[in-house]
Amino acid sequence: MPAPLPALTLSDNDREQIGRWLNAHGTPQQVALRSRIVLAAAAAQSDLAIANELAINRKTVTLWRTRFAERGLTSLWEIAPGRGRKPTYDVPRSKRSWIPPCRPSRKG
């Protein structure tokens, strides 16, 4: 069984910023989840209790508790490389070479 981790310490500014992110309509869901994890960890809840409350894996709680302790508030917005939809076009349409039509135009 893993040893319990100490509660995270949040400054008043960090707590207010996380609250603003949670109340904003444009905050991505992954950032909101990470913010809830950090707030629960600052309230001295165990990783297992946080995981059960948020219906997520305990390892996810441990990961974000550790990242926040190491890197701070900005780490909640970091997205790992390779995530998300891949670009549809590798070359912008404006940079592609022009291809002439199949038939030449009629001279009239």
N, C-alpha and C. Protein backbone atom coordinates (compact mmCIF):
# COMPACT_ATOMS: atom_id res chain seq x y z
N MET A 1 0.85 -1.18 0.00
CA MET A 1 0.00 0.00 0.00
C MET A 1 0.89 1.24 0.00
N PRO A 2 0.59 2.21 -0.91
CA PRO A 2 1.44 3.40 -0.98
C PRO A 2 1.30 4.27 0.25
N ALA A 3 2.39 4.94 0.58
CA ALA A 3 2.37 5.84 1.72
C ALA A 3 1.55 7.08 1.39
N PRO A 4 0.78 7.59 2.35
CA PRO A 4 -0.02 8.79 2.08
C PRO A 4 0.88 9.99 1.83
N LEU A 5 0.50 10.80 0.86
CA LEU A 5 1.27 11.99 0.53
C LEU A 5 0.77 13.17 1.35
N PRO A 6 1.64 14.11 1.67
CA PRO A 6 1.19 15.27 2.44
C PRO A 6 0.28 16.15 1.58
N ALA A 7 -0.52 16.96 2.23
CA ALA A 7 -1.43 17.87 1.52
C ALA A 7 -0.62 18.89 0.74
N LEU A 8 -1.12 19.26 -0.42
CA LEU A 8 -0.47 20.31 -1.21
C LEU A 8 -0.74 21.65 -0.54
N THR A 9 0.21 22.54 -0.67
CA THR A 9 0.01 23.89 -0.16
C THR A 9 -0.28 24.80 -1.34
N LEU A 10 -1.40 25.49 -1.27
CA LEU A 10 -1.79 26.42 -2.32
C LEU A 10 -1.78 27.84 -1.77
N SER A 11 -1.22 28.74 -2.54
CA SER A 11 -1.30 30.15 -2.14
C SER A 11 -2.72 30.64 -2.42
N ASP A 12 -3.06 31.77 -1.83
CA ASP A 12 -4.39 32.34 -2.07
C ASP A 12 -4.58 32.68 -3.54
N ASN A 13 -3.51 33.17 -4.18
CA ASN A 13 -3.60 33.50 -5.61
C ASN A 13 -3.86 32.26 -6.45
N ASP A 14 -3.15 31.16 -6.15
CA ASP A 14 -3.35 29.91 -6.89
C ASP A 14 -4.77 29.39 -6.70
N ARG A 15 -5.25 29.45 -5.48
CA ARG A 15 -6.61 28.97 -5.19
C ARG A 15 -7.65 29.80 -5.94
N GLU A 16 -7.46 31.13 -5.98
CA GLU A 16 -8.39 32.00 -6.71
C GLU A 16 -8.34 31.72 -8.21
N GLN A 17 -7.14 31.53 -8.75
CA GLN A 17 -7.00 31.26 -10.18
C GLN A 17 -7.66 29.95 -10.55
N ILE A 18 -7.46 28.92 -9.77
CA ILE A 18 -8.10 27.63 -10.03
C ILE A 18 -9.62 27.77 -9.96
N GLY A 19 -10.11 28.54 -9.01
CA GLY A 19 -11.55 28.79 -8.91
C GLY A 19 -12.10 29.49 -10.15
N ARG A 20 -11.33 30.46 -10.68
CA ARG A 20 -11.77 31.15 -11.90
C ARG A 20 -11.81 30.19 -13.08
N TRP A 21 -10.79 29.31 -13.17
CA TRP A 21 -10.79 28.33 -14.27
C TRP A 21 -11.99 27.39 -14.17
N LEU A 22 -12.31 26.97 -12.96
CA LEU A 22 -13.44 26.04 -12.79
C LEU A 22 -14.77 26.70 -13.11
N ASN A 23 -14.89 28.00 -12.88
CA ASN A 23 -16.15 28.71 -13.14
C ASN A 23 -16.27 29.20 -14.58
N ALA A 24 -15.16 29.23 -15.30
CA ALA A 24 -15.18 29.72 -16.68
C ALA A 24 -15.79 28.67 -17.61
N HIS A 25 -16.54 29.14 -18.58
CA HIS A 25 -17.18 28.22 -19.53
C HIS A 25 -16.21 27.70 -20.58
N GLY A 26 -15.13 28.41 -20.82
CA GLY A 26 -14.20 28.03 -21.87
C GLY A 26 -13.04 27.16 -21.42
N THR A 27 -13.00 26.78 -20.15
CA THR A 27 -11.90 25.96 -19.65
C THR A 27 -12.05 24.54 -20.17
N PRO A 28 -10.99 23.98 -20.77
CA PRO A 28 -11.07 22.59 -21.24
C PRO A 28 -11.34 21.63 -20.08
N GLN A 29 -12.04 20.55 -20.36
CA GLN A 29 -12.41 19.60 -19.32
C GLN A 29 -11.20 18.97 -18.65
N GLN A 30 -10.13 18.75 -19.41
CA GLN A 30 -8.94 18.15 -18.80
C GLN A 30 -8.31 19.08 -17.78
N VAL A 31 -8.34 20.38 -18.04
CA VAL A 31 -7.80 21.36 -17.09
C VAL A 31 -8.70 21.44 -15.86
N ALA A 32 -10.01 21.39 -16.07
CA ALA A 32 -10.95 21.44 -14.95
C ALA A 32 -10.76 20.22 -14.04
N LEU A 33 -10.58 19.05 -14.63
CA LEU A 33 -10.35 17.84 -13.83
C LEU A 33 -9.06 17.95 -13.03
N ARG A 34 -8.00 18.40 -13.67
CA ARG A 34 -6.72 18.57 -12.97
C ARG A 34 -6.86 19.58 -11.84
N SER A 35 -7.62 20.62 -12.07
CA SER A 35 -7.84 21.64 -11.03
C SER A 35 -8.59 21.05 -9.84
N ARG A 36 -9.59 20.23 -10.11
CA ARG A 36 -10.34 19.58 -9.02
C ARG A 36 -9.44 18.64 -8.22
N ILE A 37 -8.54 17.96 -8.91
CA ILE A 37 -7.59 17.07 -8.23
C ILE A 37 -6.71 17.88 -7.29
N VAL A 38 -6.19 18.99 -7.77
CA VAL A 38 -5.29 19.82 -6.95
C VAL A 38 -6.03 20.40 -5.76
N LEU A 39 -7.25 20.88 -5.95
CA LEU A 39 -8.01 21.44 -4.83
C LEU A 39 -8.30 20.37 -3.77
N ALA A 40 -8.64 19.16 -4.21
CA ALA A 40 -8.91 18.08 -3.26
C ALA A 40 -7.63 17.68 -2.54
N ALA A 41 -6.50 17.67 -3.25
CA ALA A 41 -5.22 17.32 -2.63
C ALA A 41 -4.82 18.39 -1.62
N ALA A 42 -5.15 19.65 -1.90
CA ALA A 42 -4.84 20.73 -0.96
C ALA A 42 -5.72 20.64 0.28
N ALA A 43 -6.87 19.98 0.16
CA ALA A 43 -7.77 19.79 1.30
C ALA A 43 -7.39 18.54 2.09
N ALA A 44 -6.23 17.99 1.84
CA ALA A 44 -5.66 16.84 2.56
C ALA A 44 -6.45 15.55 2.36
N GLN A 45 -7.11 15.40 1.22
CA GLN A 45 -7.77 14.13 0.91
C GLN A 45 -6.73 13.15 0.38
N SER A 46 -6.96 11.88 0.61
CA SER A 46 -6.05 10.87 0.09
C SER A 46 -6.27 10.69 -1.40
N ASP A 47 -5.28 10.12 -2.07
CA ASP A 47 -5.39 9.88 -3.51
C ASP A 47 -6.57 8.97 -3.82
N LEU A 48 -6.77 7.96 -3.02
CA LEU A 48 -7.87 7.03 -3.26
C LEU A 48 -9.22 7.71 -3.08
N ALA A 49 -9.35 8.57 -2.09
CA ALA A 49 -10.60 9.30 -1.87
C ALA A 49 -10.88 10.26 -3.03
N ILE A 50 -9.85 10.93 -3.51
CA ILE A 50 -10.01 11.84 -4.65
C ILE A 50 -10.42 11.05 -5.89
N ALA A 51 -9.76 9.93 -6.13
CA ALA A 51 -10.06 9.10 -7.30
C ALA A 51 -11.50 8.60 -7.25
N ASN A 52 -11.95 8.17 -6.08
CA ASN A 52 -13.33 7.70 -5.96
C ASN A 52 -14.33 8.83 -6.16
N GLU A 53 -14.03 9.99 -5.60
CA GLU A 53 -14.94 11.13 -5.71
C GLU A 53 -15.08 11.61 -7.15
N LEU A 54 -13.98 11.62 -7.90
CA LEU A 54 -13.99 12.12 -9.27
C LEU A 54 -14.18 11.02 -10.31
N ALA A 55 -14.27 9.76 -9.85
CA ALA A 55 -14.45 8.60 -10.73
C ALA A 55 -13.32 8.49 -11.76
N ILE A 56 -12.09 8.58 -11.27
CA ILE A 56 -10.91 8.44 -12.12
C ILE A 56 -9.94 7.46 -11.46
N ASN A 57 -8.87 7.14 -12.17
CA ASN A 57 -7.85 6.22 -11.67
C ASN A 57 -6.99 6.91 -10.60
N ARG A 58 -6.59 6.15 -9.60
CA ARG A 58 -5.75 6.69 -8.53
C ARG A 58 -4.40 7.17 -9.08
N LYS A 59 -3.89 6.49 -10.11
CA LYS A 59 -2.60 6.89 -10.70
C LYS A 59 -2.69 8.27 -11.34
N THR A 60 -3.86 8.61 -11.87
CA THR A 60 -4.06 9.94 -12.44
C THR A 60 -3.96 11.00 -11.35
N VAL A 61 -4.53 10.72 -10.21
CA VAL A 61 -4.47 11.65 -9.07
C VAL A 61 -3.02 11.83 -8.63
N THR A 62 -2.30 10.73 -8.48
CA THR A 62 -0.90 10.78 -8.07
C THR A 62 -0.07 11.57 -9.07
N LEU A 63 -0.32 11.34 -10.36
CA LEU A 63 0.43 12.04 -11.41
C LEU A 63 0.25 13.55 -11.29
N TRP A 64 -0.99 14.03 -11.18
CA TRP A 64 -1.22 15.47 -11.16
C TRP A 64 -0.87 16.11 -9.83
N ARG A 65 -0.96 15.36 -8.75
CA ARG A 65 -0.49 15.88 -7.46
C ARG A 65 1.02 16.12 -7.54
N THR A 66 1.73 15.16 -8.09
CA THR A 66 3.19 15.27 -8.19
C THR A 66 3.60 16.37 -9.16
N ARG A 67 2.95 16.44 -10.33
CA ARG A 67 3.29 17.47 -11.31
C ARG A 67 3.04 18.87 -10.76
N PHE A 68 1.93 19.03 -10.07
CA PHE A 68 1.64 20.35 -9.51
C PHE A 68 2.68 20.72 -8.46
N ALA A 69 3.07 19.77 -7.63
CA ALA A 69 4.06 20.04 -6.59
C ALA A 69 5.41 20.42 -7.21
N GLU A 70 5.75 19.81 -8.35
CA GLU A 70 7.04 20.07 -8.99
C GLU A 70 7.03 21.33 -9.85
N ARG A 71 5.98 21.52 -10.64
CA ARG A 71 5.98 22.56 -11.67
C ARG A 71 5.04 23.73 -11.42
N GLY A 72 4.11 23.59 -10.51
CA GLY A 72 3.23 24.70 -10.18
C GLY A 72 1.97 24.77 -11.04
N LEU A 73 1.36 25.93 -10.98
CA LEU A 73 0.05 26.16 -11.57
C LEU A 73 0.03 25.99 -13.09
N THR A 74 1.08 26.40 -13.77
CA THR A 74 1.09 26.32 -15.24
C THR A 74 1.09 24.89 -15.76
N SER A 75 1.48 23.94 -14.92
CA SER A 75 1.51 22.54 -15.36
C SER A 75 0.12 21.99 -15.64
N LEU A 76 -0.91 22.61 -15.07
CA LEU A 76 -2.27 22.13 -15.29
C LEU A 76 -2.73 22.33 -16.73
N TRP A 77 -2.10 23.24 -17.45
CA TRP A 77 -2.48 23.53 -18.84
C TRP A 77 -1.60 22.81 -19.86
N GLU A 78 -0.58 22.08 -19.41
CA GLU A 78 0.32 21.41 -20.34
C GLU A 78 -0.37 20.21 -21.00
N ILE A 79 -0.16 20.07 -22.30
CA ILE A 79 -0.71 18.94 -23.04
C ILE A 79 0.47 18.15 -23.58
N ALA A 80 0.46 16.85 -23.33
CA ALA A 80 1.56 15.99 -23.76
C ALA A 80 1.62 15.95 -25.29
N PRO A 81 2.83 15.87 -25.86
CA PRO A 81 2.94 15.78 -27.31
C PRO A 81 2.29 14.49 -27.82
N GLY A 82 1.72 14.57 -29.00
CA GLY A 82 1.07 13.40 -29.58
C GLY A 82 -0.39 13.31 -29.26
N ARG A 83 -0.91 14.24 -28.47
CA ARG A 83 -2.32 14.22 -28.11
C ARG A 83 -3.11 15.10 -29.07
N GLY A 84 -4.34 14.77 -29.26
CA GLY A 84 -5.21 15.59 -30.09
C GLY A 84 -5.24 15.15 -31.54
N ARG A 85 -6.09 15.78 -32.30
CA ARG A 85 -6.28 15.44 -33.70
C ARG A 85 -5.07 15.87 -34.51
N LYS A 86 -4.68 15.02 -35.43
CA LYS A 86 -3.53 15.30 -36.29
C LYS A 86 -3.98 16.23 -37.42
N PRO A 87 -3.07 17.05 -37.95
CA PRO A 87 -3.44 17.95 -39.04
C PRO A 87 -3.87 17.16 -40.28
N THR A 88 -4.86 17.70 -40.99
CA THR A 88 -5.38 17.03 -42.18
C THR A 88 -4.43 17.21 -43.35
N TYR A 89 -3.89 18.42 -43.52
CA TYR A 89 -3.00 18.71 -44.63
C TYR A 89 -1.60 18.97 -44.09
N ASP A 90 -0.61 18.41 -44.77
CA ASP A 90 0.75 18.66 -44.34
C ASP A 90 1.31 19.93 -44.97
N VAL A 91 0.78 20.33 -46.14
CA VAL A 91 1.21 21.55 -46.82
C VAL A 91 -0.02 22.45 -46.96
N PRO A 92 0.10 23.71 -46.57
CA PRO A 92 -1.04 24.61 -46.73
C PRO A 92 -1.48 24.69 -48.19
N ARG A 93 -2.75 24.84 -48.42
CA ARG A 93 -3.27 24.89 -49.79
C ARG A 93 -2.64 26.01 -50.59
N SER A 94 -2.32 27.11 -49.96
CA SER A 94 -1.74 28.24 -50.68
C SER A 94 -0.32 27.94 -51.16
N LYS A 95 0.34 26.96 -50.58
CA LYS A 95 1.72 26.62 -50.94
C LYS A 95 1.79 25.50 -51.97
N ARG A 96 0.68 24.85 -52.28
CA ARG A 96 0.69 23.76 -53.24
C ARG A 96 0.93 24.28 -54.65
N SER A 97 1.55 23.45 -55.47
CA SER A 97 1.78 23.84 -56.86
C SER A 97 0.47 23.76 -57.64
N TRP A 98 0.34 24.62 -58.61
CA TRP A 98 -0.87 24.67 -59.40
C TRP A 98 -0.84 23.56 -60.43
N ILE A 99 -1.96 22.87 -60.60
CA ILE A 99 -2.07 21.79 -61.58
C ILE A 99 -2.99 22.28 -62.69
N PRO A 100 -2.50 22.26 -63.94
CA PRO A 100 -3.34 22.76 -65.04
C PRO A 100 -4.52 21.83 -65.31
N PRO A 101 -5.58 22.35 -65.91
CA PRO A 101 -6.72 21.51 -66.23
C PRO A 101 -6.35 20.43 -67.24
N CYS A 102 -7.19 19.42 -67.37
CA CYS A 102 -6.89 18.29 -68.26
C CYS A 102 -6.92 18.69 -69.73
N ARG A 103 -7.87 19.52 -70.09
CA ARG A 103 -7.98 19.93 -71.49
C ARG A 103 -7.62 21.40 -71.63
N PRO A 104 -6.93 21.72 -72.70
CA PRO A 104 -6.67 23.14 -72.91
C PRO A 104 -7.96 23.87 -73.29
N SER A 105 -8.03 25.14 -72.96
CA SER A 105 -9.22 25.92 -73.29
C SER A 105 -9.33 26.10 -74.79
N ARG A 106 -10.57 26.22 -75.28
CA ARG A 106 -10.80 26.39 -76.71
C ARG A 106 -10.49 27.84 -77.11
N LYS A 107 -9.88 27.95 -78.28
CA LYS A 107 -9.56 29.31 -78.78
C LYS A 107 -10.75 29.78 -79.57
N GLY A 108 -11.19 30.94 -79.31
CA GLY A 108 -12.40 31.33 -79.93
C GLY A 108 -12.44 32.55 -80.64
